[in-house]
């Protein structure tokens, strides 16, 4: 079984894109504190599709608390310097916002 559950905060506003298949997708990063190593933060790159993508893009905003459930997917690529790299993406199946404030309200508060 390949399942991961991450609790953290959105590191930036979700970015909506179109997948090659035409499906809506949203990418975002979740910043999560380490349990055993306080003071260190891990950033998880997340990708959501379809209705989940629409939901996170519509209601998500930088700093909002979130729980992400999904699966890990390794991707191999060559960086701009020609070095082979391996990245980990979280393919999101479910999300839950723990913050009750919406993006529009956050923008009004920060102005």
PDB file of N, CA and C in Angstrom:
ATOM      1  N   UNK A   1       0.849  -1.177   0.000  1.00  0.00           N
ATOM      2  CA  UNK A   1       0.000   0.000   0.000  1.00  0.00           C
ATOM      3  C   UNK A   1       0.889   1.232   0.000  1.00  0.00           C
ATOM      4  N   UNK A   2       0.539   2.196  -0.800  1.00  0.00           N
ATOM      5  CA  UNK A   2       1.278   3.440  -0.919  1.00  0.00           C
ATOM      6  C   UNK A   2       0.334   4.572  -0.533  1.00  0.00           C
ATOM      7  N   UNK A   3       0.358   4.970   0.731  1.00  0.00           N
ATOM      8  CA  UNK A   3      -0.499   6.058   1.202  1.00  0.00           C
ATOM      9  C   UNK A   3       0.291   6.933   2.153  1.00  0.00           C
ATOM     10  N   UNK A   4       0.114   8.245   2.002  1.00  0.00           N
ATOM     11  CA  UNK A   4       0.788   9.196   2.866  1.00  0.00           C
ATOM     12  C   UNK A   4      -0.234  10.221   3.342  1.00  0.00           C
ATOM     13  N   UNK A   5      -0.110  10.609   4.604  1.00  0.00           N
ATOM     14  CA  UNK A   5      -0.962  11.640   5.188  1.00  0.00           C
ATOM     15  C   UNK A   5      -0.043  12.725   5.715  1.00  0.00           C
ATOM     16  N   UNK A   6      -0.261  13.948   5.270  1.00  0.00           N
ATOM     17  CA  UNK A   6       0.575  15.074   5.671  1.00  0.00           C
ATOM     18  C   UNK A   6      -0.311  16.155   6.266  1.00  0.00           C
ATOM     19  N   UNK A   7       0.097  16.664   7.401  1.00  0.00           N
ATOM     20  CA  UNK A   7      -0.566  17.820   8.003  1.00  0.00           C
ATOM     21  C   UNK A   7       0.431  18.962   8.004  1.00  0.00           C
ATOM     22  N   UNK A   8      -0.006  20.118   7.529  1.00  0.00           N
ATOM     23  CA  UNK A   8       0.897  21.265   7.485  1.00  0.00           C
ATOM     24  C   UNK A   8       0.156  22.507   7.044  1.00  0.00           C
ATOM     25  N   UNK A   9       0.903  23.399   6.396  1.00  0.00           N
ATOM     26  CA  UNK A   9       0.335  24.654   5.905  1.00  0.00           C
ATOM     27  C   UNK A   9       0.708  24.835   4.441  1.00  0.00           C
ATOM     28  N   UNK A  10      -0.187  25.463   3.695  1.00  0.00           N
ATOM     29  CA  UNK A  10       0.120  25.753   2.296  1.00  0.00           C
ATOM     30  C   UNK A  10       1.276  26.749   2.247  1.00  0.00           C
ATOM     31  N   UNK A  11       2.324  26.403   1.520  1.00  0.00           N
ATOM     32  CA  UNK A  11       3.510  27.250   1.442  1.00  0.00           C
ATOM     33  C   UNK A  11       3.329  28.401   0.452  1.00  0.00           C
ATOM     34  N   UNK A  12       2.376  28.263  -0.474  1.00  0.00           N
ATOM     35  CA  UNK A  12       2.029  29.331  -1.405  1.00  0.00           C
ATOM     36  C   UNK A  12       0.641  29.033  -1.947  1.00  0.00           C
ATOM     37  N   UNK A  13       0.068  30.002  -2.648  1.00  0.00           N
ATOM     38  CA  UNK A  13      -1.247  29.776  -3.233  1.00  0.00           C
ATOM     39  C   UNK A  13      -1.168  28.645  -4.260  1.00  0.00           C
ATOM     40  N   UNK A  14      -2.154  27.767  -4.295  1.00  0.00           N
ATOM     41  CA  UNK A  14      -2.172  26.693  -5.290  1.00  0.00           C
ATOM     42  C   UNK A  14      -2.190  27.267  -6.712  1.00  0.00           C
ATOM     43  N   UNK A  15      -1.530  26.565  -7.621  1.00  0.00           N
ATOM     44  CA  UNK A  15      -1.445  26.999  -9.020  1.00  0.00           C
ATOM     45  C   UNK A  15      -2.216  26.031  -9.906  1.00  0.00           C
ATOM     46  N   UNK A  16      -3.207  26.554 -10.601  1.00  0.00           N
ATOM     47  CA  UNK A  16      -4.059  25.725 -11.456  1.00  0.00           C
ATOM     48  C   UNK A  16      -3.441  25.620 -12.850  1.00  0.00           C
ATOM     49  N   UNK A  17      -3.456  24.401 -13.406  1.00  0.00           N
ATOM     50  CA  UNK A  17      -2.896  24.132 -14.731  1.00  0.00           C
ATOM     51  C   UNK A  17      -3.791  23.143 -15.459  1.00  0.00           C
ATOM     52  N   UNK A  18      -3.463  22.891 -16.705  1.00  0.00           N
ATOM     53  CA  UNK A  18      -4.136  21.854 -17.484  1.00  0.00           C
ATOM     54  C   UNK A  18      -3.134  20.727 -17.721  1.00  0.00           C
ATOM     55  N   UNK A  19      -3.516  19.499 -17.419  1.00  0.00           N
ATOM     56  CA  UNK A  19      -2.674  18.345 -17.709  1.00  0.00           C
ATOM     57  C   UNK A  19      -2.686  18.103 -19.218  1.00  0.00           C
ATOM     58  N   UNK A  20      -1.747  17.300 -19.704  1.00  0.00           N
ATOM     59  CA  UNK A  20      -1.679  16.993 -21.139  1.00  0.00           C
ATOM     60  C   UNK A  20      -2.969  16.367 -21.649  1.00  0.00           C
ATOM     61  N   UNK A  21      -3.681  15.678 -20.754  1.00  0.00           N
ATOM     62  CA  UNK A  21      -4.947  15.033 -21.126  1.00  0.00           C
ATOM     63  C   UNK A  21      -6.118  16.008 -21.144  1.00  0.00           C
ATOM     64  N   UNK A  22      -5.888  17.256 -20.703  1.00  0.00           N
ATOM     65  CA  UNK A  22      -6.957  18.254 -20.641  1.00  0.00           C
ATOM     66  C   UNK A  22      -7.609  18.342 -19.279  1.00  0.00           C
ATOM     67  N   UNK A  23      -7.253  17.439 -18.375  1.00  0.00           N
ATOM     68  CA  UNK A  23      -7.805  17.440 -17.022  1.00  0.00           C
ATOM     69  C   UNK A  23      -7.235  18.618 -16.226  1.00  0.00           C
ATOM     70  N   UNK A  24      -8.071  19.220 -15.409  1.00  0.00           N
ATOM     71  CA  UNK A  24      -7.604  20.285 -14.527  1.00  0.00           C
ATOM     72  C   UNK A  24      -6.693  19.695 -13.459  1.00  0.00           C
ATOM     73  N   UNK A  25      -5.578  20.376 -13.204  1.00  0.00           N
ATOM     74  CA  UNK A  25      -4.693  19.958 -12.119  1.00  0.00           C
ATOM     75  C   UNK A  25      -4.234  21.190 -11.354  1.00  0.00           C
ATOM     76  N   UNK A  26      -3.922  20.991 -10.099  1.00  0.00           N
ATOM     77  CA  UNK A  26      -3.419  22.060  -9.256  1.00  0.00           C
ATOM     78  C   UNK A  26      -2.173  21.562  -8.551  1.00  0.00           C
ATOM     79  N   UNK A  27      -1.141  22.404  -8.533  1.00  0.00           N
ATOM     80  CA  UNK A  27       0.079  22.064  -7.808  1.00  0.00           C
ATOM     81  C   UNK A  27       0.233  23.016  -6.626  1.00  0.00           C
ATOM     82  N   UNK A  28       0.751  22.488  -5.541  1.00  0.00           N
ATOM     83  CA  UNK A  28       0.984  23.298  -4.339  1.00  0.00           C
ATOM     84  C   UNK A  28       1.987  22.582  -3.452  1.00  0.00           C
ATOM     85  N   UNK A  29       2.591  23.332  -2.558  1.00  0.00           N
ATOM     86  CA  UNK A  29       3.531  22.773  -1.586  1.00  0.00           C
ATOM     87  C   UNK A  29       2.950  22.881  -0.193  1.00  0.00           C
ATOM     88  N   UNK A  30       3.164  21.839   0.597  1.00  0.00           N
ATOM     89  CA  UNK A  30       2.736  21.829   1.990  1.00  0.00           C
ATOM     90  C   UNK A  30       3.980  21.821   2.865  1.00  0.00           C
ATOM     91  N   UNK A  31       4.065  22.794   3.772  1.00  0.00           N
ATOM     92  CA  UNK A  31       5.162  22.872   4.737  1.00  0.00           C
ATOM     93  C   UNK A  31       4.720  22.153   6.005  1.00  0.00           C
ATOM     94  N   UNK A  32       5.524  21.192   6.444  1.00  0.00           N
ATOM     95  CA  UNK A  32       5.157  20.382   7.605  1.00  0.00           C
ATOM     96  C   UNK A  32       6.329  20.305   8.577  1.00  0.00           C
ATOM     97  N   UNK A  33       6.057  20.614   9.851  1.00  0.00           N
ATOM     98  CA  UNK A  33       7.092  20.506  10.888  1.00  0.00           C
ATOM     99  C   UNK A  33       7.401  19.040  11.155  1.00  0.00           C
ATOM    100  N   UNK A  34       8.638  18.747  11.410  1.00  0.00           N
ATOM    101  CA  UNK A  34       9.023  17.387  11.782  1.00  0.00           C
ATOM    102  C   UNK A  34       8.638  17.131  13.231  1.00  0.00           C
ATOM    103  N   UNK A  35       8.144  15.938  13.507  1.00  0.00           N
ATOM    104  CA  UNK A  35       7.715  15.605  14.874  1.00  0.00           C
ATOM    105  C   UNK A  35       8.902  15.469  15.819  1.00  0.00           C
ATOM    106  N   UNK A  36       9.942  14.778  15.388  1.00  0.00           N
ATOM    107  CA  UNK A  36      11.054  14.456  16.270  1.00  0.00           C
ATOM    108  C   UNK A  36      12.210  15.444  16.160  1.00  0.00           C
ATOM    109  N   UNK A  37      12.150  16.336  15.203  1.00  0.00           N
ATOM    110  CA  UNK A  37      13.251  17.256  14.952  1.00  0.00           C
ATOM    111  C   UNK A  37      12.689  18.667  14.861  1.00  0.00           C
ATOM    112  N   UNK A  38      12.232  19.183  15.992  1.00  0.00           N
ATOM    113  CA  UNK A  38      11.579  20.493  16.027  1.00  0.00           C
ATOM    114  C   UNK A  38      12.482  21.569  15.432  1.00  0.00           C
ATOM    115  N   UNK A  39      11.875  22.500  14.757  1.00  0.00           N
ATOM    116  CA  UNK A  39      12.618  23.581  14.137  1.00  0.00           C
ATOM    117  C   UNK A  39      12.950  23.319  12.676  1.00  0.00           C
ATOM    118  N   UNK A  40      12.805  22.091  12.222  1.00  0.00           N
ATOM    119  CA  UNK A  40      13.033  21.769  10.819  1.00  0.00           C
ATOM    120  C   UNK A  40      11.700  21.540  10.122  1.00  0.00           C
ATOM    121  N   UNK A  41      11.634  22.009   8.902  1.00  0.00           N
ATOM    122  CA  UNK A  41      10.399  21.922   8.125  1.00  0.00           C
ATOM    123  C   UNK A  41      10.687  21.180   6.828  1.00  0.00           C
ATOM    124  N   UNK A  42       9.782  20.280   6.461  1.00  0.00           N
ATOM    125  CA  UNK A  42       9.850  19.603   5.173  1.00  0.00           C
ATOM    126  C   UNK A  42       8.769  20.176   4.271  1.00  0.00           C
ATOM    127  N   UNK A  43       9.085  20.299   2.985  1.00  0.00           N
ATOM    128  CA  UNK A  43       8.130  20.797   1.994  1.00  0.00           C
ATOM    129  C   UNK A  43       7.774  19.654   1.057  1.00  0.00           C
ATOM    130  N   UNK A  44       6.490  19.407   0.918  1.00  0.00           N
ATOM    131  CA  UNK A  44       5.985  18.330   0.077  1.00  0.00           C
ATOM    132  C   UNK A  44       5.291  18.920  -1.141  1.00  0.00           C
ATOM    133  N   UNK A  45       5.741  18.520  -2.327  1.00  0.00           N
ATOM    134  CA  UNK A  45       5.133  18.985  -3.576  1.00  0.00           C
ATOM    135  C   UNK A  45       3.913  18.108  -3.859  1.00  0.00           C
ATOM    136  N   UNK A  46       2.763  18.738  -3.963  1.00  0.00           N
ATOM    137  CA  UNK A  46       1.501  18.018  -4.128  1.00  0.00           C
ATOM    138  C   UNK A  46       0.863  18.361  -5.471  1.00  0.00           C
ATOM    139  N   UNK A  47       0.213  17.356  -6.060  1.00  0.00           N
ATOM    140  CA  UNK A  47      -0.499  17.529  -7.322  1.00  0.00           C
ATOM    141  C   UNK A  47      -1.893  16.939  -7.151  1.00  0.00           C
ATOM    142  N   UNK A  48      -2.906  17.740  -7.462  1.00  0.00           N
ATOM    143  CA  UNK A  48      -4.283  17.254  -7.378  1.00  0.00           C
ATOM    144  C   UNK A  48      -4.941  17.412  -8.744  1.00  0.00           C
ATOM    145  N   UNK A  49      -5.975  16.604  -8.990  1.00  0.00           N
ATOM    146  CA  UNK A  49      -6.657  16.581 -10.282  1.00  0.00           C
ATOM    147  C   UNK A  49      -8.160  16.717 -10.095  1.00  0.00           C
ATOM    148  N   UNK A  50      -8.839  17.159 -11.160  1.00  0.00           N
ATOM    149  CA  UNK A  50     -10.303  17.182 -11.196  1.00  0.00           C
ATOM    150  C   UNK A  50     -10.934  18.061 -10.137  1.00  0.00           C
ATOM    151  N   UNK A  51     -11.969  17.516  -9.473  1.00  0.00           N
ATOM    152  CA  UNK A  51     -12.709  18.279  -8.465  1.00  0.00           C
ATOM    153  C   UNK A  51     -11.831  18.659  -7.280  1.00  0.00           C
ATOM    154  N   UNK A  52     -10.904  17.786  -6.911  1.00  0.00           N
ATOM    155  CA  UNK A  52      -9.988  18.101  -5.806  1.00  0.00           C
ATOM    156  C   UNK A  52      -9.121  19.285  -6.188  1.00  0.00           C
ATOM    157  N   UNK A  53      -8.665  19.332  -7.432  1.00  0.00           N
ATOM    158  CA  UNK A  53      -7.853  20.455  -7.918  1.00  0.00           C
ATOM    159  C   UNK A  53      -8.647  21.754  -7.882  1.00  0.00           C
ATOM    160  N   UNK A  54      -9.887  21.703  -8.342  1.00  0.00           N
ATOM    161  CA  UNK A  54     -10.743  22.891  -8.326  1.00  0.00           C
ATOM    162  C   UNK A  54     -10.955  23.386  -6.897  1.00  0.00           C
ATOM    163  N   UNK A  55     -11.203  22.456  -5.983  1.00  0.00           N
ATOM    164  CA  UNK A  55     -11.486  22.800  -4.583  1.00  0.00           C
ATOM    165  C   UNK A  55     -10.279  23.465  -3.921  1.00  0.00           C
ATOM    166  N   UNK A  56      -9.106  22.862  -4.058  1.00  0.00           N
ATOM    167  CA  UNK A  56      -7.925  23.421  -3.391  1.00  0.00           C
ATOM    168  C   UNK A  56      -7.545  24.761  -4.004  1.00  0.00           C
ATOM    169  N   UNK A  57      -7.747  24.925  -5.306  1.00  0.00           N
ATOM    170  CA  UNK A  57      -7.419  26.195  -5.944  1.00  0.00           C
ATOM    171  C   UNK A  57      -8.396  27.290  -5.530  1.00  0.00           C
ATOM    172  N   UNK A  58      -9.655  26.930  -5.401  1.00  0.00           N
ATOM    173  CA  UNK A  58     -10.677  27.925  -5.049  1.00  0.00           C
ATOM    174  C   UNK A  58     -10.580  28.380  -3.599  1.00  0.00           C
ATOM    175  N   UNK A  59     -10.330  27.449  -2.685  1.00  0.00           N
ATOM    176  CA  UNK A  59     -10.396  27.779  -1.266  1.00  0.00           C
ATOM    177  C   UNK A  59      -9.040  27.861  -0.575  1.00  0.00           C
ATOM    178  N   UNK A  60      -7.981  27.385  -1.204  1.00  0.00           N
ATOM    179  CA  UNK A  60      -6.675  27.372  -0.564  1.00  0.00           C
ATOM    180  C   UNK A  60      -5.933  28.685  -0.708  1.00  0.00           C
ATOM    181  N   UNK A  61      -5.167  29.033   0.319  1.00  0.00           N
ATOM    182  CA  UNK A  61      -4.341  30.239   0.292  1.00  0.00           C
ATOM    183  C   UNK A  61      -3.116  30.020   1.173  1.00  0.00           C
ATOM    184  N   UNK A  62      -2.070  30.732   0.876  1.00  0.00           N
ATOM    185  CA  UNK A  62      -0.825  30.636   1.621  1.00  0.00           C
ATOM    186  C   UNK A  62      -1.083  30.720   3.123  1.00  0.00           C
ATOM    187  N   UNK A  63      -0.496  29.786   3.854  1.00  0.00           N
ATOM    188  CA  UNK A  63      -0.588  29.790   5.310  1.00  0.00           C
ATOM    189  C   UNK A  63      -1.735  28.988   5.890  1.00  0.00           C
ATOM    190  N   UNK A  64      -2.673  28.561   5.052  1.00  0.00           N
ATOM    191  CA  UNK A  64      -3.811  27.808   5.566  1.00  0.00           C
ATOM    192  C   UNK A  64      -3.383  26.418   6.015  1.00  0.00           C
ATOM    193  N   UNK A  65      -3.925  25.980   7.149  1.00  0.00           N
ATOM    194  CA  UNK A  65      -3.660  24.632   7.652  1.00  0.00           C
ATOM    195  C   UNK A  65      -4.437  23.628   6.812  1.00  0.00           C
ATOM    196  N   UNK A  66      -3.787  22.493   6.503  1.00  0.00           N
ATOM    197  CA  UNK A  66      -4.368  21.519   5.586  1.00  0.00           C
ATOM    198  C   UNK A  66      -3.889  20.112   5.940  1.00  0.00           C
ATOM    199  N   UNK A  67      -4.748  19.140   5.682  1.00  0.00           N
ATOM    200  CA  UNK A  67      -4.354  17.728   5.719  1.00  0.00           C
ATOM    201  C   UNK A  67      -4.475  17.213   4.284  1.00  0.00           C
ATOM    202  N   UNK A  68      -3.414  16.564   3.812  1.00  0.00           N
ATOM    203  CA  UNK A  68      -3.377  16.001   2.463  1.00  0.00           C
ATOM    204  C   UNK A  68      -3.234  14.494   2.583  1.00  0.00           C
ATOM    205  N   UNK A  69      -4.071  13.759   1.868  1.00  0.00           N
ATOM    206  CA  UNK A  69      -3.974  12.300   1.805  1.00  0.00           C
ATOM    207  C   UNK A  69      -3.757  11.935   0.343  1.00  0.00           C
ATOM    208  N   UNK A  70      -2.768  11.099   0.110  1.00  0.00           N
ATOM    209  CA  UNK A  70      -2.477  10.723  -1.263  1.00  0.00           C
ATOM    210  C   UNK A  70      -1.445   9.615  -1.315  1.00  0.00           C
ATOM    211  N   UNK A  71      -0.790   9.513  -2.457  1.00  0.00           N
ATOM    212  CA  UNK A  71       0.255   8.507  -2.613  1.00  0.00           C
ATOM    213  C   UNK A  71       1.515   9.164  -3.144  1.00  0.00           C
ATOM    214  N   UNK A  72       2.667   8.585  -2.779  1.00  0.00           N
ATOM    215  CA  UNK A  72       3.960   9.080  -3.248  1.00  0.00           C
ATOM    216  C   UNK A  72       4.227   8.565  -4.646  1.00  0.00           C
ATOM    217  N   UNK A  73       4.781   9.439  -5.463  1.00  0.00           N
ATOM    218  CA  UNK A  73       5.160   9.055  -6.809  1.00  0.00           C
ATOM    219  C   UNK A  73       6.559   9.615  -7.083  1.00  0.00           C
ATOM    220  N   UNK A  74       7.489   8.739  -7.399  1.00  0.00           N
ATOM    221  CA  UNK A  74       8.851   9.161  -7.720  1.00  0.00           C
ATOM    222  C   UNK A  74       8.917   9.577  -9.174  1.00  0.00           C
ATOM    223  N   UNK A  75       9.647  10.648  -9.442  1.00  0.00           N
ATOM    224  CA  UNK A  75       9.862  11.060 -10.825  1.00  0.00           C
ATOM    225  C   UNK A  75      11.346  11.304 -11.040  1.00  0.00           C
ATOM    226  N   UNK A  76      11.866  10.741 -12.106  1.00  0.00           N
ATOM    227  CA  UNK A  76      13.259  10.927 -12.477  1.00  0.00           C
ATOM    228  C   UNK A  76      13.324  11.967 -13.586  1.00  0.00           C
ATOM    229  N   UNK A  77      14.262  12.882 -13.478  1.00  0.00           N
ATOM    230  CA  UNK A  77      14.404  13.917 -14.487  1.00  0.00           C
ATOM    231  C   UNK A  77      15.853  14.394 -14.530  1.00  0.00           C
ATOM    232  N   UNK A  78      16.173  15.136 -15.570  1.00  0.00           N
ATOM    233  CA  UNK A  78      17.496  15.716 -15.712  1.00  0.00           C
ATOM    234  C   UNK A  78      17.360  17.218 -15.490  1.00  0.00           C
ATOM    235  N   UNK A  79      18.141  17.767 -14.561  1.00  0.00           N
ATOM    236  CA  UNK A  79      18.044  19.200 -14.269  1.00  0.00           C
ATOM    237  C   UNK A  79      18.734  20.018 -15.355  1.00  0.00           C
ATOM    238  N   UNK A  80      18.670  21.354 -15.220  1.00  0.00           N
ATOM    239  CA  UNK A  80      19.205  22.235 -16.269  1.00  0.00           C
ATOM    240  C   UNK A  80      20.720  22.131 -16.416  1.00  0.00           C
ATOM    241  N   UNK A  81      21.399  21.546 -15.420  1.00  0.00           N
ATOM    242  CA  UNK A  81      22.848  21.353 -15.497  1.00  0.00           C
ATOM    243  C   UNK A  81      23.219  19.967 -16.035  1.00  0.00           C
ATOM    244  N   UNK A  82      22.213  19.186 -16.423  1.00  0.00           N
ATOM    245  CA  UNK A  82      22.464  17.872 -16.988  1.00  0.00           C
ATOM    246  C   UNK A  82      22.610  16.759 -15.959  1.00  0.00           C
ATOM    247  N   UNK A  83      22.337  17.047 -14.685  1.00  0.00           N
ATOM    248  CA  UNK A  83      22.442  16.038 -13.631  1.00  0.00           C
ATOM    249  C   UNK A  83      21.116  15.300 -13.471  1.00  0.00           C
ATOM    250  N   UNK A  84      21.199  13.990 -13.304  1.00  0.00           N
ATOM    251  CA  UNK A  84      19.991  13.199 -13.067  1.00  0.00           C
ATOM    252  C   UNK A  84      19.514  13.433 -11.639  1.00  0.00           C
ATOM    253  N   UNK A  85      18.214  13.653 -11.496  1.00  0.00           N
ATOM    254  CA  UNK A  85      17.600  13.931 -10.205  1.00  0.00           C
ATOM    255  C   UNK A  85      16.390  13.025 -10.008  1.00  0.00           C
ATOM    256  N   UNK A  86      16.037  12.831  -8.752  1.00  0.00           N
ATOM    257  CA  UNK A  86      14.812  12.118  -8.403  1.00  0.00           C
ATOM    258  C   UNK A  86      13.990  13.024  -7.496  1.00  0.00           C
ATOM    259  N   UNK A  87      12.719  13.177  -7.821  1.00  0.00           N
ATOM    260  CA  UNK A  87      11.826  13.988  -7.011  1.00  0.00           C
ATOM    261  C   UNK A  87      10.669  13.140  -6.511  1.00  0.00           C
ATOM    262  N   UNK A  88      10.059  13.599  -5.443  1.00  0.00           N
ATOM    263  CA  UNK A  88       8.892  12.914  -4.896  1.00  0.00           C
ATOM    264  C   UNK A  88       7.704  13.863  -4.995  1.00  0.00           C
ATOM    265  N   UNK A  89       6.645  13.402  -5.626  1.00  0.00           N
ATOM    266  CA  UNK A  89       5.392  14.141  -5.692  1.00  0.00           C
ATOM    267  C   UNK A  89       4.348  13.392  -4.890  1.00  0.00           C
ATOM    268  N   UNK A  90       3.457  14.136  -4.273  1.00  0.00           N
ATOM    269  CA  UNK A  90       2.304  13.550  -3.596  1.00  0.00           C
ATOM    270  C   UNK A  90       1.116  13.717  -4.539  1.00  0.00           C
ATOM    271  N   UNK A  91       0.570  12.605  -5.013  1.00  0.00           N
ATOM    272  CA  UNK A  91      -0.623  12.643  -5.865  1.00  0.00           C
ATOM    273  C   UNK A  91      -1.819  12.596  -4.915  1.00  0.00           C
ATOM    274  N   UNK A  92      -2.514  13.713  -4.824  1.00  0.00           N
ATOM    275  CA  UNK A  92      -3.544  13.927  -3.802  1.00  0.00           C
ATOM    276  C   UNK A  92      -4.843  13.214  -4.165  1.00  0.00           C
ATOM    277  N   UNK A  93      -5.382  12.480  -3.191  1.00  0.00           N
ATOM    278  CA  UNK A  93      -6.703  11.874  -3.373  1.00  0.00           C
ATOM    279  C   UNK A  93      -7.757  12.612  -2.544  1.00  0.00           C
ATOM    280  N   UNK A  94      -7.341  13.143  -1.388  1.00  0.00           N
ATOM    281  CA  UNK A  94      -8.275  13.883  -0.517  1.00  0.00           C
ATOM    282  C   UNK A  94      -7.535  15.005   0.203  1.00  0.00           C
ATOM    283  N   UNK A  95      -8.273  16.076   0.486  1.00  0.00           N
ATOM    284  CA  UNK A  95      -7.720  17.156   1.290  1.00  0.00           C
ATOM    285  C   UNK A  95      -8.773  17.615   2.289  1.00  0.00           C
ATOM    286  N   UNK A  96      -8.289  18.221   3.352  1.00  0.00           N
ATOM    287  CA  UNK A  96      -9.187  18.834   4.326  1.00  0.00           C
ATOM    288  C   UNK A  96      -8.503  20.089   4.834  1.00  0.00           C
ATOM    289  N   UNK A  97      -9.183  21.216   4.709  1.00  0.00           N
ATOM    290  CA  UNK A  97      -8.664  22.460   5.268  1.00  0.00           C
ATOM    291  C   UNK A  97      -8.992  22.514   6.745  1.00  0.00           C
ATOM    292  N   UNK A  98      -8.017  22.884   7.537  1.00  0.00           N
ATOM    293  CA  UNK A  98      -8.210  22.998   8.975  1.00  0.00           C
ATOM    294  C   UNK A  98      -8.425  24.441   9.392  1.00  0.00           C
ATOM    295  N   UNK A  99      -8.243  25.351   8.453  1.00  0.00           N
ATOM    296  CA  UNK A  99      -8.429  26.772   8.687  1.00  0.00           C
ATOM    297  C   UNK A  99      -9.782  27.159   8.123  1.00  0.00           C
ATOM    298  N   UNK A 100     -10.591  27.863   8.901  1.00  0.00           N
ATOM    299  CA  UNK A 100     -11.936  28.209   8.460  1.00  0.00           C
ATOM    300  C   UNK A 100     -12.027  29.487   7.666  1.00  0.00           C
ATOM    301  N   UNK A 101     -10.908  30.111   7.354  1.00  0.00           N
ATOM    302  CA  UNK A 101     -10.923  31.387   6.643  1.00  0.00           C
ATOM    303  C   UNK A 101     -10.668  31.139   5.156  1.00  0.00           C
ATOM    304  N   UNK A 102     -11.349  31.848   4.296  1.00  0.00           N
ATOM    305  CA  UNK A 102     -11.216  31.639   2.852  1.00  0.00           C
ATOM    306  C   UNK A 102     -10.212  32.621   2.252  1.00  0.00           C
ATOM    307  N   UNK A 103      -9.767  32.294   1.045  1.00  0.00           N
ATOM    308  CA  UNK A 103      -8.756  33.087   0.346  1.00  0.00           C
ATOM    309  C   UNK A 103      -9.143  34.567   0.260  1.00  0.00           C
ATOM    310  N   UNK A 104     -10.388  34.887  -0.097  1.00  0.00           N
ATOM    311  CA  UNK A 104     -10.813  36.256  -0.240  1.00  0.00           C
ATOM    312  C   UNK A 104     -10.687  37.004   1.092  1.00  0.00           C
ATOM    313  N   UNK A 105     -11.006  36.330   2.201  1.00  0.00           N
ATOM    314  CA  UNK A 105     -10.912  36.953   3.509  1.00  0.00           C
ATOM    315  C   UNK A 105      -9.454  37.200   3.883  1.00  0.00           C
ATOM    316  N   UNK A 106      -8.562  36.278   3.537  1.00  0.00           N
ATOM    317  CA  UNK A 106      -7.145  36.446   3.814  1.00  0.00           C
ATOM    318  C   UNK A 106      -6.608  37.655   3.041  1.00  0.00           C
ATOM    319  N   UNK A 107      -7.015  37.797   1.769  1.00  0.00           N
ATOM    320  CA  UNK A 107      -6.548  38.926   0.965  1.00  0.00           C
ATOM    321  C   UNK A 107      -7.050  40.241   1.534  1.00  0.00           C
ATOM    322  N   UNK A 108      -8.277  40.275   2.046  1.00  0.00           N
ATOM    323  CA  UNK A 108      -8.818  41.492   2.636  1.00  0.00           C
ATOM    324  C   UNK A 108      -8.077  41.850   3.921  1.00  0.00           C
ATOM    325  N   UNK A 109      -7.717  40.848   4.721  1.00  0.00           N
ATOM    326  CA  UNK A 109      -7.010  41.095   5.977  1.00  0.00           C
ATOM    327  C   UNK A 109      -5.614  41.613   5.709  1.00  0.00           C
ATOM    328  N   UNK A 110      -4.939  41.069   4.678  1.00  0.00           N
ATOM    329  CA  UNK A 110      -3.551  41.431   4.422  1.00  0.00           C
ATOM    330  C   UNK A 110      -3.403  42.781   3.730  1.00  0.00           C
ATOM    331  N   UNK A 111      -4.486  43.369   3.211  1.00  0.00           N
ATOM    332  CA  UNK A 111      -4.415  44.657   2.522  1.00  0.00           C
ATOM    333  C   UNK A 111      -4.384  45.818   3.491  1.00  0.00           C
TER     334      UNK A 111
END
